[in-house]
Amino acid sequence: AIIAVEDSSFYEHRGLDHQALIRALYTNVRKRKILQGGSTITQQLSKNLFFSFERNWVRKIKELLIAFQLEATFSKNQILEAYCNQIYFGNGAYGVEEAAQTYFNKRARELTLLQGALLAGLPNSPNNANPFSDYLRSMRRAEYILTRMVKEKLISPDEKTEALSSPLELTRPREDNNPNRYFVNYVVAKLERDYGKEFVHFGGLKVFTTLDTRLQDFAQKSALSHLEALEGEMTIQKLKKPLQVGMVSIENQSGAVRVMVGGRSYSHSQ
């Protein structure tokens, strides 16, 4: 499934897809900037392992040379395995094995065709295609992957129809009530805006923050206790949804954020 959507000629080329590269070059020259990469799976692995994620021609040439070296040194299956083991599938899951556990609570080799297609559709946009938050969108993406597999003759039309009629059996999202996650998500989102998602997740950054975890834990517990007291007094109104809370504490002298509470619990807020 990953081959069908990421690099349909993976087993035929030696690290470079000439047709995809020509299309990308045409688009980039016409727009006068690098918008498309035409990257094969081998090139993407080369980029993820060895290079920064800035878009420029020098990096692209180096990436291609390393891709040729990878193709000469390792088998296709070894390259594909390495690629599948380091790409990001969302919800904190890196690699297809962890993704299978996160979304379906099973080993990757036990996935059904539909489950595999859904996972294959995540790396391109893991947040937008997140099945926990947008089930219909993730299923449309999975159907597209299956259509690509039919086009590449990896499965038959009947197998696609059977897969779409099979149960997805999505597992329940993992409970994550770590009170620090509100601030961590805020920092990650800001870094992604400033430096790009690829560099943030694969660039080997070390990030130091101003959060005081002791105060954060105290603030979260105090906020929850106050909410529960309020809800106890408001039962006569028959609240349709639990009350929520927000809190930020900033150090006056430095402007450093010490506490950030974004709801009654992180999992509930999601």
Protein backbone atom coordinates (compact mmCIF):
# COMPACT_ATOMS: atom_id res chain seq x y z
CA ALA A 1 0.00 0.00 0.00
CA ILE A 2 2.83 2.41 0.84
CA ILE A 3 4.54 1.64 -2.47
CA ALA A 4 1.30 2.30 -4.40
CA VAL A 5 0.89 5.79 -2.98
CA GLU A 6 4.49 6.89 -2.40
CA ASP A 7 6.52 5.30 -5.20
CA SER A 8 4.70 2.97 -7.58
CA SER A 9 7.85 2.16 -9.60
CA PHE A 10 9.95 1.42 -6.50
CA TYR A 11 10.99 -2.07 -7.58
CA GLU A 12 11.84 -0.92 -11.13
CA HIS A 13 14.05 2.15 -10.62
CA ARG A 14 17.55 2.41 -9.13
CA GLY A 15 16.80 5.31 -6.82
CA LEU A 16 15.47 7.82 -9.34
CA ASP A 17 12.03 7.98 -10.99
CA HIS A 18 12.78 9.83 -14.23
CA GLN A 19 9.17 10.62 -15.11
CA ALA A 20 8.37 11.97 -11.64
CA LEU A 21 11.56 14.02 -11.66
CA ILE A 22 10.74 15.55 -15.06
CA ARG A 23 7.26 16.51 -13.83
CA ALA A 24 8.75 18.07 -10.70
CA LEU A 25 11.41 19.96 -12.68
CA TYR A 26 8.79 21.33 -15.05
CA THR A 27 6.63 22.56 -12.16
CA ASN A 28 9.57 24.04 -10.25
CA VAL A 29 10.99 25.87 -13.28
CA ARG A 30 7.56 27.19 -14.23
CA LYS A 31 6.94 28.48 -10.68
CA ARG A 32 10.59 29.55 -10.23
CA LYS A 33 10.89 27.81 -6.88
CA ILE A 34 11.02 24.26 -5.52
CA LEU A 35 7.45 23.09 -4.97
CA GLN A 36 7.70 19.42 -5.90
CA GLY A 37 10.47 16.93 -5.29
CA GLY A 38 9.57 13.91 -7.39
CA SER A 39 11.26 11.90 -4.65
CA THR A 40 11.35 8.12 -4.63
CA ILE A 41 11.16 6.13 -1.40
CA THR A 42 14.96 5.78 -1.54
CA GLN A 43 15.40 9.55 -1.89
CA GLN A 44 13.00 10.19 0.99
CA LEU A 45 14.96 7.75 3.16
CA SER A 46 18.19 9.51 2.16
CA LYS A 47 16.70 12.89 3.11
CA ASN A 48 15.30 11.67 6.43
CA LEU A 49 18.54 10.01 7.51
CA PHE A 50 21.24 12.38 6.30
CA PHE A 51 20.05 15.86 5.40
CA SER A 52 18.26 18.96 6.59
CA PHE A 53 14.78 19.60 5.22
CA GLU A 54 15.31 22.91 3.47
CA ARG A 55 14.25 23.03 -0.17
CA ASN A 56 17.19 23.81 -2.44
CA TRP A 57 18.94 22.31 -5.44
CA VAL A 58 22.21 21.49 -3.65
CA ARG A 59 20.45 19.36 -1.06
CA LYS A 60 18.45 17.67 -3.81
CA ILE A 61 21.62 16.65 -5.68
CA LYS A 62 23.26 15.32 -2.50
CA GLU A 63 20.07 13.45 -1.65
CA LEU A 64 20.10 11.81 -5.08
CA LEU A 65 23.76 10.74 -4.79
CA ILE A 66 23.10 9.13 -1.41
CA ALA A 67 20.02 7.42 -2.86
CA PHE A 68 22.18 5.83 -5.58
CA GLN A 69 24.59 4.63 -2.91
CA LEU A 70 21.75 3.14 -0.85
CA GLU A 71 20.44 1.32 -3.91
CA ALA A 72 23.91 -0.09 -4.62
CA THR A 73 24.45 -1.22 -1.03
CA PHE A 74 21.08 -2.53 0.17
CA SER A 75 18.29 -4.63 -1.29
CA LYS A 76 14.94 -3.10 -2.19
CA ASN A 77 13.27 -4.83 0.73
CA GLN A 78 15.90 -3.50 3.16
CA ILE A 79 15.38 0.05 1.87
CA LEU A 80 11.60 -0.27 2.12
CA GLU A 81 11.86 -1.68 5.65
CA ALA A 82 14.12 1.17 6.77
CA TYR A 83 11.75 3.73 5.27
CA CYS A 84 8.67 2.18 6.88
CA ASN A 85 10.41 2.06 10.26
CA GLN A 86 11.12 5.81 10.47
CA ILE A 87 8.18 7.66 8.89
CA TYR A 88 5.63 9.39 11.11
CA PHE A 89 2.04 8.08 11.22
CA GLY A 90 0.59 10.58 13.69
CA ASN A 91 -0.48 10.20 17.33
CA GLY A 92 3.14 9.76 18.38
CA ALA A 93 3.66 6.66 16.21
CA TYR A 94 6.93 6.38 14.27
CA GLY A 95 7.25 3.35 12.02
CA VAL A 96 4.59 0.98 10.72
CA GLU A 97 4.86 -1.44 13.67
CA GLU A 98 4.15 1.25 16.26
CA ALA A 99 1.39 2.64 14.03
CA ALA A 100 -0.30 -0.78 13.86
CA GLN A 101 -0.24 -0.97 17.66
CA THR A 102 -1.47 2.62 18.07
CA TYR A 103 -4.45 2.42 15.70
CA PHE A 104 -5.38 -1.27 15.73
CA ASN A 105 -3.64 -2.83 18.76
CA LYS A 106 -2.04 -5.55 16.63
CA ARG A 107 1.19 -6.43 14.88
CA ALA A 108 1.81 -5.00 11.41
CA ARG A 109 1.81 -8.47 9.84
CA GLU A 110 -1.71 -9.04 11.22
CA LEU A 111 -3.26 -5.98 9.53
CA THR A 112 -6.12 -6.43 7.09
CA LEU A 113 -5.98 -4.88 3.62
CA LEU A 114 -8.23 -2.00 4.71
CA GLN A 115 -6.18 -1.35 7.86
CA GLY A 116 -2.96 -1.34 5.85
CA ALA A 117 -4.45 1.10 3.35
CA LEU A 118 -5.53 3.45 6.14
CA LEU A 119 -2.02 3.45 7.63
CA ALA A 120 -0.44 4.01 4.22
CA GLY A 121 -2.51 7.18 3.85
CA LEU A 122 -1.32 8.75 7.10
CA PRO A 123 2.34 9.82 6.52
CA ASN A 124 1.39 12.37 3.84
CA SER A 125 -0.73 14.31 6.35
CA PRO A 126 -0.96 12.51 9.71
CA ASN A 127 -2.95 15.22 11.49
CA ASN A 128 -5.52 15.83 8.75
CA ALA A 129 -6.08 12.11 8.09
CA ASN A 130 -6.17 11.14 11.78
CA PRO A 131 -8.92 8.48 12.06
CA PHE A 132 -9.50 9.30 15.73
CA SER A 133 -10.48 12.90 14.96
CA ASP A 134 -11.73 12.66 11.34
CA TYR A 135 -12.88 9.13 10.61
CA LEU A 136 -14.61 9.91 7.30
CA ARG A 137 -11.61 11.75 5.90
CA SER A 138 -9.27 8.92 6.84
CA MET A 139 -11.59 6.39 5.18
CA ARG A 140 -11.71 8.46 1.98
CA ARG A 141 -7.93 8.48 2.01
CA ALA A 142 -7.86 4.69 2.55
CA GLU A 143 -10.23 4.22 -0.40
CA TYR A 144 -7.90 6.33 -2.55
CA ILE A 145 -4.97 4.10 -1.52
CA LEU A 146 -6.93 0.99 -2.49
CA THR A 147 -7.78 2.57 -5.85
CA ARG A 148 -4.08 3.21 -6.43
CA MET A 149 -3.34 -0.41 -5.56
CA VAL A 150 -5.87 -1.57 -8.15
CA LYS A 151 -4.33 0.76 -10.75
CA GLU A 152 -0.87 -0.65 -10.03
CA LYS A 153 -2.29 -4.20 -10.22
CA LEU A 154 -1.29 -4.94 -6.63
CA ILE A 155 -4.85 -6.03 -5.84
CA SER A 156 -7.94 -6.80 -7.92
CA PRO A 157 -11.11 -4.65 -8.05
CA ASP A 158 -12.93 -7.42 -6.16
CA GLU A 159 -10.31 -7.31 -3.39
CA LYS A 160 -10.79 -3.54 -3.12
CA THR A 161 -14.58 -3.96 -2.83
CA GLU A 162 -14.16 -6.68 -0.22
CA ALA A 163 -11.70 -4.56 1.77
CA LEU A 164 -14.04 -1.56 1.84
CA SER A 165 -16.87 -3.73 3.14
CA SER A 166 -14.72 -5.25 5.90
CA PRO A 167 -14.74 -3.87 9.48
CA LEU A 168 -11.95 -1.41 10.24
CA GLU A 169 -11.80 -2.32 13.97
CA LEU A 170 -10.10 0.90 15.00
CA THR A 171 -8.86 0.75 18.58
CA ARG A 172 -9.79 3.34 21.18
CA PRO A 173 -7.36 6.27 21.43
CA ARG A 174 -4.84 5.88 24.21
CA GLU A 175 -5.66 7.87 27.32
CA ASP A 176 -3.10 10.61 27.71
CA ASN A 177 -3.64 12.80 30.73
CA ASN A 178 -0.11 14.11 31.02
CA PRO A 179 -0.71 17.74 32.10
CA ASN A 180 2.42 18.87 30.24
CA ARG A 181 1.00 17.94 26.82
CA TYR A 182 -0.87 21.24 26.40
CA PHE A 183 2.38 23.19 26.56
CA VAL A 184 4.33 20.61 24.53
CA ASN A 185 1.76 20.80 21.73
CA TYR A 186 1.92 24.60 21.79
CA VAL A 187 5.71 24.54 21.47
CA VAL A 188 5.67 21.91 18.70
CA ALA A 189 3.06 23.87 16.73
CA LYS A 190 5.18 27.05 16.97
CA LEU A 191 8.33 25.20 15.91
CA GLU A 192 6.50 23.68 12.95
CA ARG A 193 5.36 27.14 11.83
CA ASP A 194 8.88 28.54 12.13
CA TYR A 195 10.98 25.64 10.81
CA GLY A 196 8.64 23.21 9.03
CA LYS A 197 7.18 19.90 10.17
CA GLU A 198 9.86 17.68 8.64
CA PHE A 199 12.75 19.46 10.35
CA VAL A 200 10.95 19.48 13.71
CA HIS A 201 10.14 15.76 13.67
CA PHE A 202 13.27 14.42 11.97
CA GLY A 203 15.92 17.11 12.37
CA GLY A 204 17.30 15.91 15.71
CA LEU A 205 16.34 19.08 17.59
CA LYS A 206 16.89 19.49 21.32
CA VAL A 207 14.22 21.82 22.70
CA PHE A 208 14.47 23.46 26.13
CA THR A 209 11.33 25.10 27.52
CA THR A 210 10.35 27.29 30.47
CA LEU A 211 7.58 25.03 31.80
CA ASP A 212 7.67 24.33 35.55
CA THR A 213 6.33 20.76 35.78
CA ARG A 214 5.74 21.01 39.54
CA LEU A 215 3.57 24.12 39.15
CA GLN A 216 1.90 22.61 36.07
CA ASP A 217 0.83 19.51 37.99
CA PHE A 218 -0.45 21.63 40.87
CA ALA A 219 -2.39 23.93 38.50
CA GLN A 220 -4.02 21.01 36.66
CA LYS A 221 -5.16 19.34 39.88
CA SER A 222 -6.44 22.63 41.32
CA ALA A 223 -8.35 23.44 38.13
CA LEU A 224 -9.98 20.00 38.05
CA SER A 225 -10.95 20.24 41.71
CA HIS A 226 -12.54 23.65 41.12
CA LEU A 227 -14.44 22.38 38.06
CA GLU A 228 -15.85 19.42 39.97
CA ALA A 229 -17.01 21.74 42.76
CA LEU A 230 -18.73 24.04 40.25
CA GLU A 231 -20.41 21.14 38.49
CA GLY A 232 -21.70 19.90 41.83
CA GLU A 233 -23.38 23.25 42.40
CA MET A 234 -24.80 23.40 38.87
CA THR A 235 -26.39 19.94 38.62
CA ILE A 236 -29.83 21.53 38.66
CA GLN A 237 -29.07 23.00 35.24
CA LYS A 238 -28.34 19.52 33.82
CA LEU A 239 -25.14 20.37 31.99
CA LYS A 240 -24.99 18.76 28.54
CA LYS A 241 -21.19 18.83 28.51
CA PRO A 242 -18.60 18.90 31.30
CA LEU A 243 -17.18 22.32 32.10
CA GLN A 244 -13.74 23.16 30.72
CA VAL A 245 -10.96 25.38 31.99
CA GLY A 246 -8.00 27.33 30.64
CA MET A 247 -5.06 28.82 32.48
CA VAL A 248 -1.69 30.37 31.64
CA SER A 249 0.89 31.59 34.16
CA ILE A 250 3.67 33.89 32.95
CA GLU A 251 6.71 35.03 34.91
CA ASN A 252 6.60 38.83 35.09
CA GLN A 253 10.34 39.50 34.92
CA SER A 254 11.19 37.29 31.94
CA GLY A 255 7.86 36.63 30.22
CA ALA A 256 8.51 32.89 30.49
CA VAL A 257 5.46 30.63 30.42
CA ARG A 258 5.50 28.49 33.57
CA VAL A 259 2.02 26.91 33.43
CA MET A 260 -0.41 26.18 30.59
CA VAL A 261 -3.69 24.35 31.19
CA GLY A 262 -5.92 23.80 28.17
CA GLY A 263 -8.77 21.74 29.61
CA ARG A 264 -9.91 19.39 32.35
CA SER A 265 -7.71 16.60 30.92
CA TYR A 266 -5.63 16.29 27.77
CA SER A 267 -7.45 13.21 26.42
CA HIS A 268 -10.86 14.79 27.02
CA SER A 269 -9.78 17.98 25.25
CA GLN A 270 -8.81 16.03 22.12
